[in-house]
Amino acid sequence: MDESAMEQSPVKRIPRMRTARKIVGEIKKLDPDSDVTEYCVRQIIKSGAVPVIWAGGKALVNLDAILELFGVGMEQPSEPEEPVVGGIRRVSVTQ
């Protein structure tokens, strides 16, 4: 195949799928002082903020999707409001 033809053909990049532990390892390679933990990555996976591929019980996530998410951030989840039951709500009384 001609070199110029190889340069023009679009090359698909394979997604870098990793487990939570390996994602943290990759982040630590890029930034040894990073405070990102496995727990943090697992919470992101659990929240549904990034697509996940399940291989049995193992969650595989695209490393680049996690890095992009860290670049733009996520909204802090708001605290759920107390449910109103039958139009009655709890009122705090101070004495």
PDB file of N, CA and C in Angstrom:
ATOM      1  N   MET A   1       0.839  -1.179   0.000  1.00  0.00           N
ATOM      2  CA  MET A   1       0.000   0.000   0.000  1.00  0.00           C
ATOM      3  C   MET A   1       0.882   1.240   0.000  1.00  0.00           C
ATOM      4  N   ASP A   2       0.502   2.217  -0.750  1.00  0.00           N
ATOM      5  CA  ASP A   2       1.225   3.471  -0.881  1.00  0.00           C
ATOM      6  C   ASP A   2       1.161   4.253   0.430  1.00  0.00           C
ATOM      7  N   GLU A   3       2.272   4.897   0.828  1.00  0.00           N
ATOM      8  CA  GLU A   3       2.316   5.655   2.082  1.00  0.00           C
ATOM      9  C   GLU A   3       1.300   6.782   2.116  1.00  0.00           C
ATOM     10  N   SER A   4       1.102   7.460   0.986  1.00  0.00           N
ATOM     11  CA  SER A   4       0.147   8.571   0.960  1.00  0.00           C
ATOM     12  C   SER A   4      -1.277   8.065   1.159  1.00  0.00           C
ATOM     13  N   ALA A   5      -1.569   6.856   0.666  1.00  0.00           N
ATOM     14  CA  ALA A   5      -2.904   6.275   0.861  1.00  0.00           C
ATOM     15  C   ALA A   5      -3.117   5.923   2.328  1.00  0.00           C
ATOM     16  N   MET A   6      -2.056   5.471   3.014  1.00  0.00           N
ATOM     17  CA  MET A   6      -2.166   5.129   4.430  1.00  0.00           C
ATOM     18  C   MET A   6      -2.420   6.379   5.266  1.00  0.00           C
ATOM     19  N   GLU A   7      -1.783   7.497   4.899  1.00  0.00           N
ATOM     20  CA  GLU A   7      -1.960   8.738   5.637  1.00  0.00           C
ATOM     21  C   GLU A   7      -3.368   9.290   5.479  1.00  0.00           C
ATOM     22  N   GLN A   8      -3.996   9.066   4.312  1.00  0.00           N
ATOM     23  CA  GLN A   8      -5.318   9.604   4.043  1.00  0.00           C
ATOM     24  C   GLN A   8      -6.430   8.743   4.620  1.00  0.00           C
ATOM     25  N   SER A   9      -6.194   7.437   4.791  1.00  0.00           N
ATOM     26  CA  SER A   9      -7.255   6.565   5.283  1.00  0.00           C
ATOM     27  C   SER A   9      -7.498   6.847   6.761  1.00  0.00           C
ATOM     28  N   PRO A  10      -8.784   7.000   7.127  1.00  0.00           N
ATOM     29  CA  PRO A  10      -9.071   7.274   8.540  1.00  0.00           C
ATOM     30  C   PRO A  10      -8.773   6.041   9.393  1.00  0.00           C
ATOM     31  N   VAL A  11      -8.018   6.250  10.444  1.00  0.00           N
ATOM     32  CA  VAL A  11      -7.661   5.156  11.350  1.00  0.00           C
ATOM     33  C   VAL A  11      -8.531   5.287  12.586  1.00  0.00           C
ATOM     34  N   LYS A  12      -9.267   4.234  12.883  1.00  0.00           N
ATOM     35  CA  LYS A  12     -10.096   4.255  14.087  1.00  0.00           C
ATOM     36  C   LYS A  12      -9.207   4.003  15.290  1.00  0.00           C
ATOM     37  N   ARG A  13      -9.414   4.796  16.300  1.00  0.00           N
ATOM     38  CA  ARG A  13      -8.653   4.631  17.528  1.00  0.00           C
ATOM     39  C   ARG A  13      -9.425   3.697  18.449  1.00  0.00           C
ATOM     40  N   ILE A  14      -8.755   2.730  18.978  1.00  0.00           N
ATOM     41  CA  ILE A  14      -9.382   1.772  19.890  1.00  0.00           C
ATOM     42  C   ILE A  14      -9.587   2.455  21.237  1.00  0.00           C
ATOM     43  N   PRO A  15     -10.804   2.376  21.806  1.00  0.00           N
ATOM     44  CA  PRO A  15     -11.029   2.978  23.123  1.00  0.00           C
ATOM     45  C   PRO A  15     -10.141   2.319  24.176  1.00  0.00           C
ATOM     46  N   ARG A  16      -9.619   3.122  25.080  1.00  0.00           N
ATOM     47  CA  ARG A  16      -8.761   2.595  26.150  1.00  0.00           C
ATOM     48  C   ARG A  16      -9.646   2.212  27.335  1.00  0.00           C
ATOM     49  N   MET A  17     -10.185   1.008  27.285  1.00  0.00           N
ATOM     50  CA  MET A  17     -11.097   0.528  28.311  1.00  0.00           C
ATOM     51  C   MET A  17     -10.296   0.030  29.506  1.00  0.00           C
ATOM     52  N   ARG A  18     -10.678   0.499  30.694  1.00  0.00           N
ATOM     53  CA  ARG A  18      -9.953   0.161  31.923  1.00  0.00           C
ATOM     54  C   ARG A  18     -10.934  -0.088  33.055  1.00  0.00           C
ATOM     55  N   THR A  19     -10.455  -0.811  34.065  1.00  0.00           N
ATOM     56  CA  THR A  19     -11.203  -0.964  35.312  1.00  0.00           C
ATOM     57  C   THR A  19     -10.928   0.278  36.159  1.00  0.00           C
ATOM     58  N   ALA A  20     -11.683   0.447  37.231  1.00  0.00           N
ATOM     59  CA  ALA A  20     -11.491   1.602  38.117  1.00  0.00           C
ATOM     60  C   ALA A  20     -10.056   1.644  38.646  1.00  0.00           C
ATOM     61  N   ARG A  21      -9.538   0.498  39.047  1.00  0.00           N
ATOM     62  CA  ARG A  21      -8.174   0.445  39.595  1.00  0.00           C
ATOM     63  C   ARG A  21      -7.146   0.892  38.550  1.00  0.00           C
ATOM     64  N   LYS A  22      -7.297   0.418  37.325  1.00  0.00           N
ATOM     65  CA  LYS A  22      -6.333   0.772  36.282  1.00  0.00           C
ATOM     66  C   LYS A  22      -6.481   2.224  35.840  1.00  0.00           C
ATOM     67  N   ILE A  23      -7.700   2.762  35.902  1.00  0.00           N
ATOM     68  CA  ILE A  23      -7.897   4.175  35.583  1.00  0.00           C
ATOM     69  C   ILE A  23      -7.119   5.030  36.571  1.00  0.00           C
ATOM     70  N   VAL A  24      -7.200   4.700  37.843  1.00  0.00           N
ATOM     71  CA  VAL A  24      -6.461   5.451  38.865  1.00  0.00           C
ATOM     72  C   VAL A  24      -4.959   5.330  38.608  1.00  0.00           C
ATOM     73  N   GLY A  25      -4.506   4.141  38.235  1.00  0.00           N
ATOM     74  CA  GLY A  25      -3.087   3.938  37.921  1.00  0.00           C
ATOM     75  C   GLY A  25      -2.633   4.820  36.766  1.00  0.00           C
ATOM     76  N   GLU A  26      -3.463   4.909  35.720  1.00  0.00           N
ATOM     77  CA  GLU A  26      -3.126   5.757  34.564  1.00  0.00           C
ATOM     78  C   GLU A  26      -3.097   7.240  34.963  1.00  0.00           C
ATOM     79  N   ILE A  27      -4.045   7.645  35.790  1.00  0.00           N
ATOM     80  CA  ILE A  27      -4.084   9.039  36.236  1.00  0.00           C
ATOM     81  C   ILE A  27      -2.849   9.346  37.081  1.00  0.00           C
ATOM     82  N   LYS A  28      -2.450   8.412  37.942  1.00  0.00           N
ATOM     83  CA  LYS A  28      -1.258   8.614  38.785  1.00  0.00           C
ATOM     84  C   LYS A  28       0.010   8.714  37.933  1.00  0.00           C
ATOM     85  N   LYS A  29       0.040   8.002  36.778  1.00  0.00           N
ATOM     86  CA  LYS A  29       1.191   8.126  35.873  1.00  0.00           C
ATOM     87  C   LYS A  29       1.260   9.541  35.297  1.00  0.00           C
ATOM     88  N   LEU A  30       0.088  10.092  34.946  1.00  0.00           N
ATOM     89  CA  LEU A  30       0.038  11.436  34.379  1.00  0.00           C
ATOM     90  C   LEU A  30       0.280  12.506  35.428  1.00  0.00           C
ATOM     91  N   ASP A  31      -0.221  12.261  36.644  1.00  0.00           N
ATOM     92  CA  ASP A  31      -0.113  13.237  37.730  1.00  0.00           C
ATOM     93  C   ASP A  31       0.109  12.493  39.046  1.00  0.00           C
ATOM     94  N   PRO A  32       1.360  12.284  39.428  1.00  0.00           N
ATOM     95  CA  PRO A  32       1.653  11.515  40.639  1.00  0.00           C
ATOM     96  C   PRO A  32       1.020  12.084  41.912  1.00  0.00           C
ATOM     97  N   ASP A  33       0.728  13.388  41.950  1.00  0.00           N
ATOM     98  CA  ASP A  33       0.139  13.997  43.139  1.00  0.00           C
ATOM     99  C   ASP A  33      -1.386  14.017  43.111  1.00  0.00           C
ATOM    100  N   SER A  34      -1.986  13.345  42.135  1.00  0.00           N
ATOM    101  CA  SER A  34      -3.440  13.353  42.007  1.00  0.00           C
ATOM    102  C   SER A  34      -4.112  12.724  43.224  1.00  0.00           C
ATOM    103  N   ASP A  35      -5.239  13.313  43.612  1.00  0.00           N
ATOM    104  CA  ASP A  35      -6.006  12.787  44.744  1.00  0.00           C
ATOM    105  C   ASP A  35      -7.156  11.896  44.297  1.00  0.00           C
ATOM    106  N   VAL A  36      -7.223  11.554  43.019  1.00  0.00           N
ATOM    107  CA  VAL A  36      -8.292  10.690  42.511  1.00  0.00           C
ATOM    108  C   VAL A  36      -8.095   9.292  43.082  1.00  0.00           C
ATOM    109  N   THR A  37      -9.177   8.734  43.634  1.00  0.00           N
ATOM    110  CA  THR A  37      -9.117   7.409  44.241  1.00  0.00           C
ATOM    111  C   THR A  37     -10.007   6.439  43.473  1.00  0.00           C
ATOM    112  N   GLU A  38      -9.840   5.160  43.765  1.00  0.00           N
ATOM    113  CA  GLU A  38     -10.713   4.139  43.175  1.00  0.00           C
ATOM    114  C   GLU A  38     -12.161   4.389  43.561  1.00  0.00           C
ATOM    115  N   TYR A  39     -12.374   4.791  44.802  1.00  0.00           N
ATOM    116  CA  TYR A  39     -13.722   5.062  45.276  1.00  0.00           C
ATOM    117  C   TYR A  39     -14.365   6.159  44.425  1.00  0.00           C
ATOM    118  N   CYS A  40     -13.608   7.211  44.149  1.00  0.00           N
ATOM    119  CA  CYS A  40     -14.094   8.318  43.326  1.00  0.00           C
ATOM    120  C   CYS A  40     -14.501   7.823  41.939  1.00  0.00           C
ATOM    121  N   VAL A  41     -13.653   7.035  41.309  1.00  0.00           N
ATOM    122  CA  VAL A  41     -13.948   6.514  39.970  1.00  0.00           C
ATOM    123  C   VAL A  41     -15.166   5.595  40.017  1.00  0.00           C
ATOM    124  N   ARG A  42     -15.259   4.774  41.049  1.00  0.00           N
ATOM    125  CA  ARG A  42     -16.424   3.871  41.166  1.00  0.00           C
ATOM    126  C   ARG A  42     -17.720   4.660  41.360  1.00  0.00           C
ATOM    127  N   GLN A  43     -17.658   5.761  42.104  1.00  0.00           N
ATOM    128  CA  GLN A  43     -18.846   6.600  42.291  1.00  0.00           C
ATOM    129  C   GLN A  43     -19.272   7.229  40.966  1.00  0.00           C
ATOM    130  N   ILE A  44     -18.307   7.638  40.150  1.00  0.00           N
ATOM    131  CA  ILE A  44     -18.610   8.193  38.829  1.00  0.00           C
ATOM    132  C   ILE A  44     -19.285   7.134  37.964  1.00  0.00           C
ATOM    133  N   ILE A  45     -18.755   5.921  38.012  1.00  0.00           N
ATOM    134  CA  ILE A  45     -19.341   4.810  37.242  1.00  0.00           C
ATOM    135  C   ILE A  45     -20.766   4.552  37.721  1.00  0.00           C
ATOM    136  N   LYS A  46     -20.935   4.501  39.036  1.00  0.00           N
ATOM    137  CA  LYS A  46     -22.252   4.220  39.630  1.00  0.00           C
ATOM    138  C   LYS A  46     -23.273   5.296  39.287  1.00  0.00           C
ATOM    139  N   SER A  47     -22.823   6.552  39.153  1.00  0.00           N
ATOM    140  CA  SER A  47     -23.730   7.664  38.870  1.00  0.00           C
ATOM    141  C   SER A  47     -24.249   7.642  37.439  1.00  0.00           C
ATOM    142  N   GLY A  48     -23.571   6.894  36.559  1.00  0.00           N
ATOM    143  CA  GLY A  48     -23.988   6.854  35.158  1.00  0.00           C
ATOM    144  C   GLY A  48     -23.447   8.010  34.339  1.00  0.00           C
ATOM    145  N   ALA A  49     -22.471   8.738  34.873  1.00  0.00           N
ATOM    146  CA  ALA A  49     -21.909   9.896  34.176  1.00  0.00           C
ATOM    147  C   ALA A  49     -21.079   9.491  32.961  1.00  0.00           C
ATOM    148  N   VAL A  50     -20.594   8.259  32.939  1.00  0.00           N
ATOM    149  CA  VAL A  50     -19.831   7.751  31.790  1.00  0.00           C
ATOM    150  C   VAL A  50     -20.399   6.393  31.381  1.00  0.00           C
ATOM    151  N   PRO A  51     -20.336   6.080  30.090  1.00  0.00           N
ATOM    152  CA  PRO A  51     -20.815   4.772  29.649  1.00  0.00           C
ATOM    153  C   PRO A  51     -19.935   3.648  30.200  1.00  0.00           C
ATOM    154  N   VAL A  52     -20.549   2.533  30.512  1.00  0.00           N
ATOM    155  CA  VAL A  52     -19.841   1.375  31.086  1.00  0.00           C
ATOM    156  C   VAL A  52     -20.136   0.145  30.243  1.00  0.00           C
ATOM    157  N   ILE A  53     -19.130  -0.679  30.037  1.00  0.00           N
ATOM    158  CA  ILE A  53     -19.299  -1.985  29.412  1.00  0.00           C
ATOM    159  C   ILE A  53     -19.054  -3.004  30.514  1.00  0.00           C
ATOM    160  N   TRP A  54     -20.034  -3.863  30.735  1.00  0.00           N
ATOM    161  CA  TRP A  54     -19.893  -4.882  31.773  1.00  0.00           C
ATOM    162  C   TRP A  54     -19.361  -6.169  31.159  1.00  0.00           C
ATOM    163  N   ALA A  55     -18.252  -6.660  31.688  1.00  0.00           N
ATOM    164  CA  ALA A  55     -17.662  -7.935  31.277  1.00  0.00           C
ATOM    165  C   ALA A  55     -17.768  -8.841  32.491  1.00  0.00           C
ATOM    166  N   GLY A  56     -18.888  -9.549  32.586  1.00  0.00           N
ATOM    167  CA  GLY A  56     -19.164 -10.313  33.795  1.00  0.00           C
ATOM    168  C   GLY A  56     -19.445  -9.319  34.906  1.00  0.00           C
ATOM    169  N   GLY A  57     -18.686  -9.398  35.988  1.00  0.00           N
ATOM    170  CA  GLY A  57     -18.857  -8.463  37.098  1.00  0.00           C
ATOM    171  C   GLY A  57     -17.884  -7.300  37.030  1.00  0.00           C
ATOM    172  N   LYS A  58     -17.114  -7.217  35.952  1.00  0.00           N
ATOM    173  CA  LYS A  58     -16.086  -6.187  35.823  1.00  0.00           C
ATOM    174  C   LYS A  58     -16.615  -5.024  34.984  1.00  0.00           C
ATOM    175  N   ALA A  59     -16.540  -3.815  35.525  1.00  0.00           N
ATOM    176  CA  ALA A  59     -16.967  -2.613  34.809  1.00  0.00           C
ATOM    177  C   ALA A  59     -15.778  -2.053  34.040  1.00  0.00           C
ATOM    178  N   LEU A  60     -15.929  -1.942  32.721  1.00  0.00           N
ATOM    179  CA  LEU A  60     -14.885  -1.365  31.884  1.00  0.00           C
ATOM    180  C   LEU A  60     -15.351   0.003  31.402  1.00  0.00           C
ATOM    181  N   VAL A  61     -14.498   0.998  31.592  1.00  0.00           N
ATOM    182  CA  VAL A  61     -14.832   2.376  31.254  1.00  0.00           C
ATOM    183  C   VAL A  61     -13.743   2.936  30.358  1.00  0.00           C
ATOM    184  N   ASN A  62     -14.138   3.780  29.421  1.00  0.00           N
ATOM    185  CA  ASN A  62     -13.183   4.425  28.537  1.00  0.00           C
ATOM    186  C   ASN A  62     -12.392   5.458  29.346  1.00  0.00           C
ATOM    187  N   LEU A  63     -11.101   5.264  29.431  1.00  0.00           N
ATOM    188  CA  LEU A  63     -10.225   6.162  30.185  1.00  0.00           C
ATOM    189  C   LEU A  63     -10.366   7.602  29.710  1.00  0.00           C
ATOM    190  N   ASP A  64     -10.472   7.785  28.390  1.00  0.00           N
ATOM    191  CA  ASP A  64     -10.579   9.142  27.851  1.00  0.00           C
ATOM    192  C   ASP A  64     -11.885   9.815  28.274  1.00  0.00           C
ATOM    193  N   ALA A  65     -12.958   9.037  28.443  1.00  0.00           N
ATOM    194  CA  ALA A  65     -14.233   9.603  28.903  1.00  0.00           C
ATOM    195  C   ALA A  65     -14.096  10.112  30.337  1.00  0.00           C
ATOM    196  N   ILE A  66     -13.387   9.368  31.169  1.00  0.00           N
ATOM    197  CA  ILE A  66     -13.159   9.802  32.560  1.00  0.00           C
ATOM    198  C   ILE A  66     -12.308  11.066  32.581  1.00  0.00           C
ATOM    199  N   LEU A  67     -11.240  11.084  31.793  1.00  0.00           N
ATOM    200  CA  LEU A  67     -10.371  12.266  31.764  1.00  0.00           C
ATOM    201  C   LEU A  67     -11.129  13.484  31.251  1.00  0.00           C
ATOM    202  N   GLU A  68     -11.994  13.292  30.257  1.00  0.00           N
ATOM    203  CA  GLU A  68     -12.807  14.397  29.742  1.00  0.00           C
ATOM    204  C   GLU A  68     -13.774  14.898  30.818  1.00  0.00           C
ATOM    205  N   LEU A  69     -14.366  13.964  31.555  1.00  0.00           N
ATOM    206  CA  LEU A  69     -15.286  14.339  32.625  1.00  0.00           C
ATOM    207  C   LEU A  69     -14.571  15.164  33.690  1.00  0.00           C
ATOM    208  N   PHE A  70     -13.345  14.786  34.030  1.00  0.00           N
ATOM    209  CA  PHE A  70     -12.581  15.561  35.009  1.00  0.00           C
ATOM    210  C   PHE A  70     -12.281  16.953  34.467  1.00  0.00           C
ATOM    211  N   GLY A  71     -12.176  17.087  33.151  1.00  0.00           N
ATOM    212  CA  GLY A  71     -11.923  18.393  32.546  1.00  0.00           C
ATOM    213  C   GLY A  71     -13.114  19.325  32.621  1.00  0.00           C
ATOM    214  N   VAL A  72     -14.327  18.771  32.477  1.00  0.00           N
ATOM    215  CA  VAL A  72     -15.525  19.625  32.479  1.00  0.00           C
ATOM    216  C   VAL A  72     -16.261  19.600  33.801  1.00  0.00           C
ATOM    217  N   GLY A  73     -16.108  18.553  34.572  1.00  0.00           N
ATOM    218  CA  GLY A  73     -16.745  18.454  35.880  1.00  0.00           C
ATOM    219  C   GLY A  73     -18.175  17.944  35.828  1.00  0.00           C
ATOM    220  N   MET A  74     -18.745  17.766  37.003  1.00  0.00           N
ATOM    221  CA  MET A  74     -20.114  17.288  37.164  1.00  0.00           C
ATOM    222  C   MET A  74     -20.786  18.181  38.200  1.00  0.00           C
ATOM    223  N   GLU A  75     -22.106  18.247  38.097  1.00  0.00           N
ATOM    224  CA  GLU A  75     -22.844  18.992  39.113  1.00  0.00           C
ATOM    225  C   GLU A  75     -22.889  18.178  40.397  1.00  0.00           C
ATOM    226  N   GLN A  76     -22.821  18.875  41.514  1.00  0.00           N
ATOM    227  CA  GLN A  76     -22.954  18.221  42.816  1.00  0.00           C
ATOM    228  C   GLN A  76     -24.405  17.780  42.971  1.00  0.00           C
ATOM    229  N   PRO A  77     -24.646  16.532  43.352  1.00  0.00           N
ATOM    230  CA  PRO A  77     -26.034  16.119  43.537  1.00  0.00           C
ATOM    231  C   PRO A  77     -26.685  16.906  44.671  1.00  0.00           C
ATOM    232  N   SER A  78     -27.899  17.374  44.427  1.00  0.00           N
ATOM    233  CA  SER A  78     -28.592  18.138  45.460  1.00  0.00           C
ATOM    234  C   SER A  78     -29.222  17.178  46.466  1.00  0.00           C
ATOM    235  N   GLU A  79     -29.445  17.685  47.673  1.00  0.00           N
ATOM    236  CA  GLU A  79     -30.073  16.860  48.696  1.00  0.00           C
ATOM    237  C   GLU A  79     -31.552  16.704  48.357  1.00  0.00           C
ATOM    238  N   PRO A  80     -32.071  15.495  48.475  1.00  0.00           N
ATOM    239  CA  PRO A  80     -33.489  15.300  48.153  1.00  0.00           C
ATOM    240  C   PRO A  80     -34.382  16.032  49.142  1.00  0.00           C
ATOM    241  N   GLU A  81     -35.467  16.612  48.619  1.00  0.00           N
ATOM    242  CA  GLU A  81     -36.416  17.302  49.487  1.00  0.00           C
ATOM    243  C   GLU A  81     -37.235  16.267  50.234  1.00  0.00           C
ATOM    244  N   GLU A  82     -37.683  16.649  51.424  1.00  0.00           N
ATOM    245  CA  GLU A  82     -38.535  15.737  52.178  1.00  0.00           C
ATOM    246  C   GLU A  82     -39.857  15.598  51.441  1.00  0.00           C
ATOM    247  N   PRO A  83     -40.351  14.384  51.302  1.00  0.00           N
ATOM    248  CA  PRO A  83     -41.596  14.196  50.567  1.00  0.00           C
ATOM    249  C   PRO A  83     -42.796  14.786  51.317  1.00  0.00           C
ATOM    250  N   VAL A  84     -43.728  15.338  50.557  1.00  0.00           N
ATOM    251  CA  VAL A  84     -44.957  15.867  51.129  1.00  0.00           C
ATOM    252  C   VAL A  84     -45.987  14.757  51.055  1.00  0.00           C
ATOM    253  N   VAL A  85     -46.542  14.388  52.183  1.00  0.00           N
ATOM    254  CA  VAL A  85     -47.515  13.299  52.243  1.00  0.00           C
ATOM    255  C   VAL A  85     -48.887  13.901  52.490  1.00  0.00           C
ATOM    256  N   GLY A  86     -49.785  13.745  51.530  1.00  0.00           N
ATOM    257  CA  GLY A  86     -51.140  14.238  51.697  1.00  0.00           C
ATOM    258  C   GLY A  86     -51.212  15.727  51.967  1.00  0.00           C
ATOM    259  N   GLY A  87     -50.260  16.498  51.493  1.00  0.00           N
ATOM    260  CA  GLY A  87     -50.281  17.938  51.683  1.00  0.00           C
ATOM    261  C   GLY A  87     -49.769  18.374  53.036  1.00  0.00           C
ATOM    262  N   ILE A  88     -49.316  17.450  53.852  1.00  0.00           N
ATOM    263  CA  ILE A  88     -48.793  17.802  55.171  1.00  0.00           C
ATOM    264  C   ILE A  88     -47.271  17.704  55.114  1.00  0.00           C
ATOM    265  N   ARG A  89     -46.617  18.686  55.674  1.00  0.00           N
ATOM    266  CA  ARG A  89     -45.156  18.647  55.699  1.00  0.00           C
ATOM    267  C   ARG A  89     -44.666  18.899  57.113  1.00  0.00           C
ATOM    268  N   ARG A  90     -43.468  18.431  57.376  1.00  0.00           N
ATOM    269  CA  ARG A  90     -42.861  18.596  58.683  1.00  0.00           C
ATOM    270  C   ARG A  90     -42.462  20.051  58.874  1.00  0.00           C
ATOM    271  N   VAL A  91     -42.743  20.611  60.031  1.00  0.00           N
ATOM    272  CA  VAL A  91     -42.369  21.976  60.375  1.00  0.00           C
ATOM    273  C   VAL A  91     -41.477  21.902  61.599  1.00  0.00           C
ATOM    274  N   SER A  92     -40.288  22.549  61.507  1.00  0.00           N
ATOM    275  CA  SER A  92     -39.410  22.537  62.669  1.00  0.00           C
ATOM    276  C   SER A  92     -39.838  23.621  63.635  1.00  0.00           C
ATOM    277  N   VAL A  93     -39.845  23.246  64.890  1.00  0.00           N
ATOM    278  CA  VAL A  93     -40.255  24.174  65.938  1.00  0.00           C
ATOM    279  C   VAL A  93     -39.037  24.446  66.811  1.00  0.00           C
ATOM    280  N   THR A  94     -38.734  25.729  67.016  1.00  0.00           N
ATOM    281  CA  THR A  94     -37.628  26.089  67.902  1.00  0.00           C
ATOM    282  C   THR A  94     -38.200  26.661  69.169  1.00  0.00           C
ATOM    283  N   GLN A  95     -37.592  26.333  70.259  1.00  0.00           N
ATOM    284  CA  GLN A  95     -38.108  26.800  71.569  1.00  0.00           C
ATOM    285  C   GLN A  95     -37.157  27.756  72.201  1.00  0.00           C
TER     286      GLN A  95
END
